[in-house]
Amino acid sequence: MTTGQRRIERIGRQLRAELGQLIATDLDDPRIRAVTVTHVQVSRDLRHARVFVSGLGTEADRRATLAGLNSARGFLRRQLSMRLSHMARTPELVFDYDASIETGMRIEELLSEISDVRDDRE
C-alpha cells in the first residue's frame, strides 16, 4: 500500500468517526434514526466522499433516512470543515445505504437452514 493510499484510508476513518458523532448528536431530523456510518470511500483528489450507512427499518425507512442525510449534507460538510481544519478541502458528501449487514444476516440464515437439513438427514 502506498503512502497516498494510507493517507486516503486515514482520512476516510477520520470522516467516518466525525460523521458518526455529528449524525448521532447534532442532527435533529425525525427521518434519521439509529444510523451507523459503516464506511467512507474518499476519492483520490479528496473532492468526494461516499458515505455508507446502515440502520434498521423498512425500505421506506431507509429511503427517508437517506433523504434526511442528503438534506443535511451542507450542514455536515461545514461541521467537518471546522472539526478537520487540517484538511485543505472538505469533500462533497454522497450518502448510500450499506446492505452488507443484511447480506451477512441472510447468509447466516441460509447456512443455518443448510445445517438443519443436514441434521434432519442424519
C-alpha atoms as a PDB file:
ATOM      1  CA  MET A   1       0.000   0.000   0.000  1.00  0.00           C
ATOM      2  CA  THR A   2       1.393   3.374  -0.963  1.00  0.00           C
ATOM      3  CA  THR A   3       1.666   6.402   1.281  1.00  0.00           C
ATOM      4  CA  GLY A   4      -1.131   8.090  -0.694  1.00  0.00           C
ATOM      5  CA  GLN A   5      -3.461   5.136  -0.215  1.00  0.00           C
ATOM      6  CA  ARG A   6      -2.753   5.063   3.511  1.00  0.00           C
ATOM      7  CA  ARG A   7      -3.482   8.789   3.706  1.00  0.00           C
ATOM      8  CA  ILE A   8      -6.812   8.385   1.904  1.00  0.00           C
ATOM      9  CA  GLU A   9      -7.799   5.492   4.191  1.00  0.00           C
ATOM     10  CA  ARG A  10      -6.825   7.522   7.271  1.00  0.00           C
ATOM     11  CA  ILE A  11      -8.933  10.447   6.062  1.00  0.00           C
ATOM     12  CA  GLY A  12     -11.829   8.054   5.419  1.00  0.00           C
ATOM     13  CA  ARG A  13     -11.575   6.769   9.001  1.00  0.00           C
ATOM     14  CA  GLN A  14     -11.500  10.333  10.339  1.00  0.00           C
ATOM     15  CA  LEU A  15     -14.548  11.264   8.285  1.00  0.00           C
ATOM     16  CA  ARG A  16     -16.395   8.131   9.439  1.00  0.00           C
ATOM     17  CA  ALA A  17     -15.732   8.925  13.107  1.00  0.00           C
ATOM     18  CA  GLU A  18     -16.664  12.599  12.822  1.00  0.00           C
ATOM     19  CA  LEU A  19     -19.783  11.957  10.743  1.00  0.00           C
ATOM     20  CA  GLY A  20     -20.922   9.257  13.152  1.00  0.00           C
ATOM     21  CA  GLN A  21     -20.612  11.714  16.022  1.00  0.00           C
ATOM     22  CA  LEU A  22     -22.313  14.543  14.132  1.00  0.00           C
ATOM     23  CA  ILE A  23     -25.227  12.388  12.986  1.00  0.00           C
ATOM     24  CA  ALA A  24     -25.761  10.996  16.476  1.00  0.00           C
ATOM     25  CA  THR A  25     -25.574  14.293  18.334  1.00  0.00           C
ATOM     26  CA  ASP A  26     -26.184  17.261  16.031  1.00  0.00           C
ATOM     27  CA  LEU A  27     -28.916  16.257  13.599  1.00  0.00           C
ATOM     28  CA  ASP A  28     -32.494  16.745  14.686  1.00  0.00           C
ATOM     29  CA  ASP A  29     -34.308  15.214  11.742  1.00  0.00           C
ATOM     30  CA  PRO A  30     -37.010  12.641  12.606  1.00  0.00           C
ATOM     31  CA  ARG A  31     -36.193  10.729   9.409  1.00  0.00           C
ATOM     32  CA  ILE A  32     -32.718   9.931  10.729  1.00  0.00           C
ATOM     33  CA  ARG A  33     -32.890   7.252  13.427  1.00  0.00           C
ATOM     34  CA  ALA A  34     -30.444   4.570  14.505  1.00  0.00           C
ATOM     35  CA  VAL A  35     -27.958   5.260  11.725  1.00  0.00           C
ATOM     36  CA  THR A  36     -24.429   3.893  11.755  1.00  0.00           C
ATOM     37  CA  VAL A  37     -21.719   5.151   9.430  1.00  0.00           C
ATOM     38  CA  THR A  38     -20.070   1.914   8.342  1.00  0.00           C
ATOM     39  CA  HIS A  39     -17.503   3.079   5.809  1.00  0.00           C
ATOM     40  CA  VAL A  40     -16.350   6.145   3.908  1.00  0.00           C
ATOM     41  CA  GLN A  41     -14.713   5.943   0.476  1.00  0.00           C
ATOM     42  CA  VAL A  42     -12.723   9.057  -0.341  1.00  0.00           C
ATOM     43  CA  SER A  43     -11.733   9.923  -3.898  1.00  0.00           C
ATOM     44  CA  ARG A  44      -8.032  10.266  -4.672  1.00  0.00           C
ATOM     45  CA  ASP A  45      -8.349  14.009  -5.171  1.00  0.00           C
ATOM     46  CA  LEU A  46     -10.248  14.310  -1.828  1.00  0.00           C
ATOM     47  CA  ARG A  47     -13.116  16.149  -3.531  1.00  0.00           C
ATOM     48  CA  HIS A  48     -15.771  13.479  -2.913  1.00  0.00           C
ATOM     49  CA  ALA A  49     -16.602  11.061  -0.140  1.00  0.00           C
ATOM     50  CA  ARG A  50     -19.132   8.254  -0.466  1.00  0.00           C
ATOM     51  CA  VAL A  51     -20.561   7.647   2.994  1.00  0.00           C
ATOM     52  CA  PHE A  52     -22.076   4.224   3.611  1.00  0.00           C
ATOM     53  CA  VAL A  53     -24.674   3.995   6.366  1.00  0.00           C
ATOM     54  CA  SER A  54     -26.722   1.203   7.825  1.00  0.00           C
ATOM     55  CA  GLY A  55     -29.766   1.208  10.017  1.00  0.00           C
ATOM     56  CA  LEU A  56     -32.782  -0.754  10.979  1.00  0.00           C
ATOM     57  CA  GLY A  57     -36.155  -0.451   9.378  1.00  0.00           C
ATOM     58  CA  THR A  58     -38.078  -0.977   6.215  1.00  0.00           C
ATOM     59  CA  GLU A  59     -37.110   0.076   2.719  1.00  0.00           C
ATOM     60  CA  ALA A  60     -39.237   3.205   3.179  1.00  0.00           C
ATOM     61  CA  ASP A  61     -37.353   3.988   6.422  1.00  0.00           C
ATOM     62  CA  ARG A  62     -34.040   3.625   4.596  1.00  0.00           C
ATOM     63  CA  ARG A  63     -35.138   5.947   1.791  1.00  0.00           C
ATOM     64  CA  ALA A  64     -36.326   8.511   4.335  1.00  0.00           C
ATOM     65  CA  THR A  65     -33.054   8.251   6.244  1.00  0.00           C
ATOM     66  CA  LEU A  66     -31.013   8.787   3.080  1.00  0.00           C
ATOM     67  CA  ALA A  67     -33.214  11.743   2.141  1.00  0.00           C
ATOM     68  CA  GLY A  68     -32.665  13.260   5.598  1.00  0.00           C
ATOM     69  CA  LEU A  69     -28.912  12.740   5.402  1.00  0.00           C
ATOM     70  CA  ASN A  70     -28.750  14.190   1.910  1.00  0.00           C
ATOM     71  CA  SER A  71     -30.697  17.263   3.029  1.00  0.00           C
ATOM     72  CA  ALA A  72     -28.161  17.724   5.851  1.00  0.00           C
ATOM     73  CA  ARG A  73     -25.096  17.454   3.572  1.00  0.00           C
ATOM     74  CA  GLY A  74     -24.305  21.161   3.668  1.00  0.00           C
ATOM     75  CA  PHE A  75     -24.520  21.338   7.452  1.00  0.00           C
ATOM     76  CA  LEU A  76     -22.424  18.186   7.874  1.00  0.00           C
ATOM     77  CA  ARG A  77     -19.794  19.429   5.440  1.00  0.00           C
ATOM     78  CA  ARG A  78     -19.496  22.768   7.264  1.00  0.00           C
ATOM     79  CA  GLN A  79     -19.131  20.974  10.585  1.00  0.00           C
ATOM     80  CA  LEU A  80     -16.486  18.659   9.148  1.00  0.00           C
ATOM     81  CA  SER A  81     -14.626  21.664   7.774  1.00  0.00           C
ATOM     82  CA  MET A  82     -14.430  23.154  11.279  1.00  0.00           C
ATOM     83  CA  ARG A  83     -13.579  19.879  13.016  1.00  0.00           C
ATOM     84  CA  LEU A  84     -10.997  18.746  10.467  1.00  0.00           C
ATOM     85  CA  SER A  85      -9.378  22.114   9.837  1.00  0.00           C
ATOM     86  CA  HIS A  86      -6.089  20.414   8.954  1.00  0.00           C
ATOM     87  CA  MET A  87      -7.632  19.236   5.686  1.00  0.00           C
ATOM     88  CA  ALA A  88      -7.075  21.522   2.685  1.00  0.00           C
ATOM     89  CA  ARG A  89     -10.599  20.803   1.416  1.00  0.00           C
ATOM     90  CA  THR A  90     -13.658  19.112   2.788  1.00  0.00           C
ATOM     91  CA  PRO A  91     -15.100  16.571   0.366  1.00  0.00           C
ATOM     92  CA  GLU A  92     -18.591  16.670  -1.079  1.00  0.00           C
ATOM     93  CA  LEU A  93     -20.647  14.018   0.702  1.00  0.00           C
ATOM     94  CA  VAL A  94     -22.777  11.387  -1.004  1.00  0.00           C
ATOM     95  CA  PHE A  95     -24.764   9.040   1.230  1.00  0.00           C
ATOM     96  CA  ASP A  96     -25.503   5.458   0.268  1.00  0.00           C
ATOM     97  CA  TYR A  97     -27.065   2.523   2.065  1.00  0.00           C
ATOM     98  CA  ASP A  98     -24.732  -0.294   3.138  1.00  0.00           C
ATOM     99  CA  ALA A  99     -26.541  -3.598   2.735  1.00  0.00           C
ATOM    100  CA  SER A 100     -23.590  -5.723   3.877  1.00  0.00           C
ATOM    101  CA  ILE A 101     -25.053  -6.310   7.355  1.00  0.00           C
ATOM    102  CA  GLU A 102     -28.338  -7.541   5.884  1.00  0.00           C
ATOM    103  CA  THR A 103     -26.448  -9.658   3.365  1.00  0.00           C
ATOM    104  CA  GLY A 104     -24.396 -11.200   6.175  1.00  0.00           C
ATOM    105  CA  MET A 105     -27.529 -11.944   8.190  1.00  0.00           C
ATOM    106  CA  ARG A 106     -29.137 -13.583   5.144  1.00  0.00           C
ATOM    107  CA  ILE A 107     -26.045 -15.743   4.598  1.00  0.00           C
ATOM    108  CA  GLU A 108     -26.189 -16.816   8.257  1.00  0.00           C
ATOM    109  CA  GLU A 109     -29.865 -17.757   7.829  1.00  0.00           C
ATOM    110  CA  LEU A 110     -29.099 -19.823   4.741  1.00  0.00           C
ATOM    111  CA  LEU A 111     -26.202 -21.600   6.452  1.00  0.00           C
ATOM    112  CA  SER A 112     -28.443 -22.354   9.404  1.00  0.00           C
ATOM    113  CA  GLU A 113     -31.097 -23.802   7.090  1.00  0.00           C
ATOM    114  CA  ILE A 114     -28.490 -25.973   5.378  1.00  0.00           C
ATOM    115  CA  SER A 115     -27.280 -27.182   8.752  1.00  0.00           C
ATOM    116  CA  ASP A 116     -30.855 -28.013   9.818  1.00  0.00           C
ATOM    117  CA  VAL A 117     -31.439 -30.011   6.608  1.00  0.00           C
ATOM    118  CA  ARG A 118     -28.210 -31.973   7.193  1.00  0.00           C
ATOM    119  CA  ASP A 119     -29.209 -32.702  10.800  1.00  0.00           C
ATOM    120  CA  ASP A 120     -32.610 -33.990   9.623  1.00  0.00           C
ATOM    121  CA  ARG A 121     -30.953 -36.380   7.134  1.00  0.00           C
ATOM    122  CA  GLU A 122     -28.677 -37.954   9.726  1.00  0.00           C
END
